[in-house]
Amino acid sequence: MATYVISDIHGRYDKFIELLDLIDFTDEDTIYILGDVLDRGPNPIKALLKIMDMKNAVFIRGNHEEMAMRCLPTILEEITEFSIFSFDDTYMQDYMLWQMNGCQTTLNEFYDLDTESKQRVIDFIDKSLYYKELTVNNTNYLLVHAGLGNFSPDKPIENYNAFDLVWERADYEKQYFEDKILITGHTPTQTIDCCDNPGFIFRNKNHIAIDCGACFLSGRLAAICLETDEEFYTSETLQ
C-alpha cells in the first residue's frame, strides 16, 4: 500500500497511463493529483474521465480546472438551450483567459460527450478539493496545486482563498513551515531559478515541486511515493 503524488497531466493521457504502469499502481494504493489535468495536451477529458473512475484517486483542483468551471456550466446550458444570447461580458472575459491558456483540446473532447457525461465532468470538478493535509510515516504534508499566496505562518489553511491556492506560485527559496512539507505543481521545475536539475522533481526548504512539464517538449510526468521518497518519471515528451 503506497501513497503517490503527481501533478499537471495537462491532457497527456498517454503519460498518465505510462506513469501508472511505471509505479505498478494497484487498488491498494492512493494517488493524489494536484490539478491541471485539463488543457494543452491532446486528451484532457479522457484523462479526467479515467481519474473519475479511479476509486483510489484524490483530485485537487488546479487553475485550469478553475478556469473551466467559469465556462463549462454556461457552455452546457447554452448547448441545451441552443442559444448564445446570455454570454455576458464577464463570461467572455473568462472564456478569453481560458482560451489563452490552451482550453481548445478540453473543449474539443467535452463537446463530443453526451449530455449526462458533460454534467458528470462538471459535477466532479465542482466537488474537487483545493488542498489536502495528510501524514505519512510521521511526516506532515500539505498538498496544493500552486502555492500559498498571501502567506502567513499563523494563517489557517482554510483561510486561503482559491486564487491563493491555484494561481499564486510558491516561493521555493522561502521556507513556509518547519514541521510540514508543501508539495506543489503549477510551476514547471524547468522555470524555477534555484533548481539545479530542471525537468525533475525539485526539493528545497520543505518544498517539493513536482510539475516536470509533461505537456512541453522534453518534459515528463513525475510521481513521488511518500512512504519511500522514491521518484518516478515517464519518458520525455517528444511532441
Protein backbone atom coordinates (compact mmCIF):
# COMPACT_ATOMS: atom_id res chain seq x y z
CA MET A 1 0.00 0.00 0.00
CA ALA A 2 1.64 3.23 -1.20
CA THR A 3 0.77 6.93 -1.46
CA TYR A 4 1.75 8.78 -4.63
CA VAL A 5 1.53 12.44 -5.65
CA ILE A 6 1.52 13.74 -9.23
CA SER A 7 0.54 16.99 -10.90
CA ASP A 8 -0.08 18.79 -14.19
CA ILE A 9 -1.05 15.99 -16.56
CA HIS A 10 -2.35 18.65 -18.98
CA GLY A 11 -4.05 16.33 -21.41
CA ARG A 12 -1.21 13.83 -21.64
CA TYR A 13 -3.35 10.76 -21.07
CA ASP A 14 -0.56 8.69 -22.61
CA LYS A 15 1.92 9.87 -19.99
CA PHE A 16 -0.59 9.32 -17.20
CA ILE A 17 -1.10 5.68 -18.21
CA GLU A 18 2.66 5.27 -18.64
CA LEU A 19 3.19 6.56 -15.11
CA LEU A 20 0.53 4.32 -13.59
CA ASP A 21 2.25 1.35 -15.22
CA LEU A 22 5.65 2.58 -14.07
CA ILE A 23 4.66 2.74 -10.40
CA ASP A 24 2.72 -0.52 -10.72
CA PHE A 25 -0.33 1.23 -9.30
CA THR A 26 -2.82 -1.10 -7.59
CA ASP A 27 -6.22 -0.87 -5.93
CA GLU A 28 -4.42 -0.84 -2.57
CA ASP A 29 -2.53 2.37 -3.39
CA THR A 30 -3.67 6.00 -3.31
CA ILE A 31 -2.74 8.69 -5.80
CA TYR A 32 -3.16 12.43 -5.21
CA ILE A 33 -3.39 14.53 -8.38
CA LEU A 34 -2.59 18.19 -7.79
CA GLY A 35 -4.66 19.71 -10.55
CA ASP A 36 -4.23 20.83 -14.15
CA VAL A 37 -5.42 17.63 -15.77
CA LEU A 38 -7.19 19.84 -18.32
CA ASP A 39 -5.99 21.82 -21.36
CA ARG A 40 -2.96 21.95 -23.66
CA GLY A 41 -2.30 18.27 -24.37
CA PRO A 42 -4.45 16.16 -26.72
CA ASN A 43 -6.64 14.19 -24.28
CA PRO A 44 -7.57 16.18 -21.16
CA ILE A 45 -11.14 14.94 -20.82
CA LYS A 46 -10.04 11.36 -21.42
CA ALA A 47 -7.52 11.72 -18.59
CA LEU A 48 -10.12 13.30 -16.30
CA LEU A 49 -12.66 10.54 -17.01
CA LYS A 50 -10.00 7.97 -16.12
CA ILE A 51 -9.41 9.72 -12.78
CA MET A 52 -13.15 9.93 -12.16
CA ASP A 53 -13.38 6.15 -12.48
CA MET A 54 -10.48 5.51 -10.06
CA LYS A 55 -11.81 4.95 -6.55
CA ASN A 56 -8.35 5.47 -5.06
CA ALA A 57 -7.54 8.76 -6.80
CA VAL A 58 -7.89 12.07 -4.94
CA PHE A 59 -8.21 15.08 -7.20
CA ILE A 60 -7.15 18.58 -6.10
CA ARG A 61 -8.21 21.45 -8.32
CA GLY A 62 -5.73 23.49 -10.36
CA ASN A 63 -6.05 26.85 -12.06
CA HIS A 64 -7.03 25.20 -15.36
CA GLU A 65 -9.96 23.46 -13.68
CA GLU A 66 -10.80 26.77 -12.00
CA MET A 67 -10.93 28.45 -15.42
CA ALA A 68 -13.01 25.57 -16.82
CA MET A 69 -15.58 25.92 -14.05
CA ARG A 70 -16.14 29.55 -15.02
CA CYS A 71 -17.09 28.46 -18.55
CA LEU A 72 -18.24 24.84 -18.84
CA PRO A 73 -21.54 25.16 -16.91
CA THR A 74 -22.58 28.05 -19.17
CA ILE A 75 -21.47 26.16 -22.26
CA LEU A 76 -23.56 23.17 -21.21
CA GLU A 77 -26.58 25.37 -20.54
CA GLU A 78 -26.22 27.09 -23.90
CA ILE A 79 -25.81 23.80 -25.76
CA THR A 80 -29.02 22.59 -24.11
CA GLU A 81 -30.98 25.73 -24.92
CA PHE A 82 -29.48 26.30 -28.38
CA SER A 83 -28.83 29.94 -27.59
CA ILE A 84 -25.78 32.18 -27.29
CA PHE A 85 -27.51 35.36 -26.21
CA SER A 86 -26.77 35.07 -22.49
CA PHE A 87 -22.97 35.19 -22.96
CA ASP A 88 -22.28 38.37 -20.97
CA ASP A 89 -19.03 40.37 -20.73
CA THR A 90 -17.83 38.55 -17.62
CA TYR A 91 -18.26 35.19 -19.31
CA MET A 92 -16.44 36.39 -22.43
CA GLN A 93 -13.50 37.64 -20.33
CA ASP A 94 -13.31 34.29 -18.52
CA TYR A 95 -13.54 32.45 -21.82
CA MET A 96 -10.77 34.53 -23.42
CA LEU A 97 -8.48 33.88 -20.44
CA TRP A 98 -9.15 30.16 -20.74
CA GLN A 99 -8.52 30.27 -24.49
CA MET A 100 -5.17 31.95 -23.92
CA ASN A 101 -4.26 29.10 -21.57
CA GLY A 102 -4.90 26.26 -24.01
CA CYS A 103 -8.51 25.19 -23.48
CA GLN A 104 -9.27 24.10 -27.04
CA THR A 105 -8.35 20.45 -26.56
CA THR A 106 -10.58 20.33 -23.48
CA LEU A 107 -13.48 21.86 -25.41
CA ASN A 108 -13.00 19.51 -28.36
CA GLU A 109 -13.37 16.42 -26.16
CA PHE A 110 -16.06 17.96 -23.96
CA TYR A 111 -18.28 18.71 -26.97
CA ASP A 112 -18.04 15.04 -28.01
CA LEU A 113 -19.52 13.81 -24.71
CA ASP A 114 -23.21 13.12 -24.26
CA THR A 115 -25.13 15.50 -22.00
CA GLU A 116 -25.03 13.21 -18.99
CA SER A 117 -21.25 12.78 -19.24
CA LYS A 118 -20.79 16.52 -19.61
CA GLN A 119 -22.71 17.05 -16.39
CA ARG A 120 -20.66 14.35 -14.62
CA VAL A 121 -17.45 16.15 -15.57
CA ILE A 122 -18.76 19.48 -14.29
CA ASP A 123 -20.03 17.92 -11.05
CA PHE A 124 -16.71 16.17 -10.45
CA ILE A 125 -14.67 19.35 -10.85
CA ASP A 126 -17.18 21.33 -8.80
CA LYS A 127 -16.77 18.94 -5.85
CA SER A 128 -12.96 18.83 -6.07
CA LEU A 129 -10.70 19.84 -3.19
CA TYR A 130 -8.48 22.92 -3.06
CA TYR A 131 -5.96 21.33 -0.69
CA LYS A 132 -5.25 18.19 1.28
CA GLU A 133 -3.35 17.70 4.53
CA LEU A 134 -2.02 14.25 5.33
CA THR A 135 0.58 12.47 7.42
CA VAL A 136 2.67 9.60 6.09
CA ASN A 137 5.34 7.89 8.20
CA ASN A 138 5.09 10.69 10.79
CA THR A 139 5.81 13.35 8.17
CA ASN A 140 3.19 16.06 7.64
CA TYR A 141 2.36 17.19 4.12
CA LEU A 142 0.23 19.95 2.65
CA LEU A 143 -0.81 19.35 -0.95
CA VAL A 144 -1.99 22.26 -3.11
CA HIS A 145 -1.83 22.99 -6.81
CA ALA A 146 0.13 26.23 -6.91
CA GLY A 147 1.28 27.64 -3.60
CA LEU A 148 0.16 29.78 -0.70
CA GLY A 149 -0.49 33.32 -1.81
CA ASN A 150 -0.60 35.95 0.94
CA PHE A 151 1.24 33.50 3.15
CA SER A 152 1.38 33.93 6.91
CA PRO A 153 2.79 31.25 9.23
CA ASP A 154 -0.15 31.69 11.61
CA LYS A 155 -2.83 31.64 8.91
CA PRO A 156 -5.02 28.50 8.88
CA ILE A 157 -5.13 26.77 5.52
CA GLU A 158 -8.90 27.16 5.33
CA ASN A 159 -8.46 30.95 5.32
CA TYR A 160 -6.62 30.95 1.99
CA ASN A 161 -8.83 31.72 -0.98
CA ALA A 162 -8.98 29.91 -4.30
CA PHE A 163 -6.64 32.37 -6.03
CA ASP A 164 -4.01 31.89 -3.31
CA LEU A 165 -4.09 28.12 -3.82
CA VAL A 166 -4.48 27.62 -7.57
CA TRP A 167 -2.76 30.65 -9.13
CA GLU A 168 -0.12 32.13 -6.81
CA ARG A 169 3.22 30.39 -7.33
CA ALA A 170 5.18 29.08 -4.38
CA ASP A 171 8.38 30.84 -3.37
CA TYR A 172 10.78 27.92 -3.45
CA GLU A 173 13.55 29.92 -1.76
CA LYS A 174 11.38 30.62 1.28
CA GLN A 175 10.62 28.02 3.95
CA TYR A 176 6.95 28.24 4.88
CA PHE A 177 6.81 25.55 7.55
CA GLU A 178 9.23 23.86 9.93
CA ASP A 179 7.00 20.87 10.65
CA LYS A 180 5.32 20.37 7.31
CA ILE A 181 6.33 19.79 3.67
CA LEU A 182 4.47 21.73 0.99
CA ILE A 183 4.00 19.75 -2.24
CA THR A 184 3.00 21.78 -5.30
CA GLY A 185 2.62 21.60 -9.05
CA HIS A 186 1.76 24.56 -11.31
CA THR A 187 5.35 25.80 -11.75
CA PRO A 188 7.39 23.57 -14.08
CA THR A 189 10.73 22.88 -12.45
CA GLN A 190 12.33 23.99 -15.73
CA THR A 191 11.31 27.55 -14.74
CA ILE A 192 12.46 27.56 -11.10
CA ASP A 193 15.58 29.73 -10.91
CA CYS A 194 17.16 27.90 -7.98
CA CYS A 195 16.50 24.42 -9.42
CA ASP A 196 19.78 22.70 -10.31
CA ASN A 197 18.10 19.81 -12.17
CA PRO A 198 15.37 21.33 -14.35
CA GLY A 199 12.69 18.96 -15.54
CA PHE A 200 12.93 16.75 -12.46
CA ILE A 201 11.34 16.94 -9.02
CA PHE A 202 12.79 19.83 -7.01
CA ARG A 203 13.24 19.86 -3.23
CA ASN A 204 14.25 22.86 -1.16
CA LYS A 205 13.35 24.31 2.26
CA ASN A 206 10.46 21.93 2.92
CA HIS A 207 9.13 22.34 -0.61
CA ILE A 208 8.63 19.56 -3.15
CA ALA A 209 7.81 20.80 -6.66
CA ILE A 210 6.53 18.02 -8.90
CA ASP A 211 5.44 19.68 -12.16
CA CYS A 212 8.06 18.45 -14.62
CA GLY A 213 6.46 19.88 -17.74
CA ALA A 214 4.69 16.81 -19.14
CA CYS A 215 2.86 18.86 -21.77
CA PHE A 216 6.02 20.52 -23.07
CA LEU A 217 8.69 19.26 -25.42
CA SER A 218 11.34 17.32 -23.44
CA GLY A 219 9.17 17.45 -20.31
CA ARG A 220 7.92 14.43 -18.40
CA LEU A 221 5.27 13.39 -15.90
CA ALA A 222 6.60 12.68 -12.42
CA ALA A 223 5.40 10.96 -9.27
CA ILE A 224 6.74 10.76 -5.75
CA CYS A 225 5.98 7.95 -3.29
CA LEU A 226 5.54 9.43 0.18
CA GLU A 227 6.34 6.20 2.02
CA THR A 228 9.71 5.64 0.34
CA ASP A 229 10.54 9.13 -1.01
CA GLU A 230 11.20 7.43 -4.36
CA GLU A 231 10.77 9.45 -7.55
CA PHE A 232 9.33 8.12 -10.82
CA TYR A 233 9.48 9.65 -14.29
CA THR A 234 7.88 8.88 -17.60
CA SER A 235 9.80 9.12 -20.86
CA GLU A 236 10.32 12.60 -22.27
CA THR A 237 7.55 14.24 -24.23
CA LEU A 238 8.64 14.30 -27.87
CA GLN A 239 5.71 16.09 -29.45
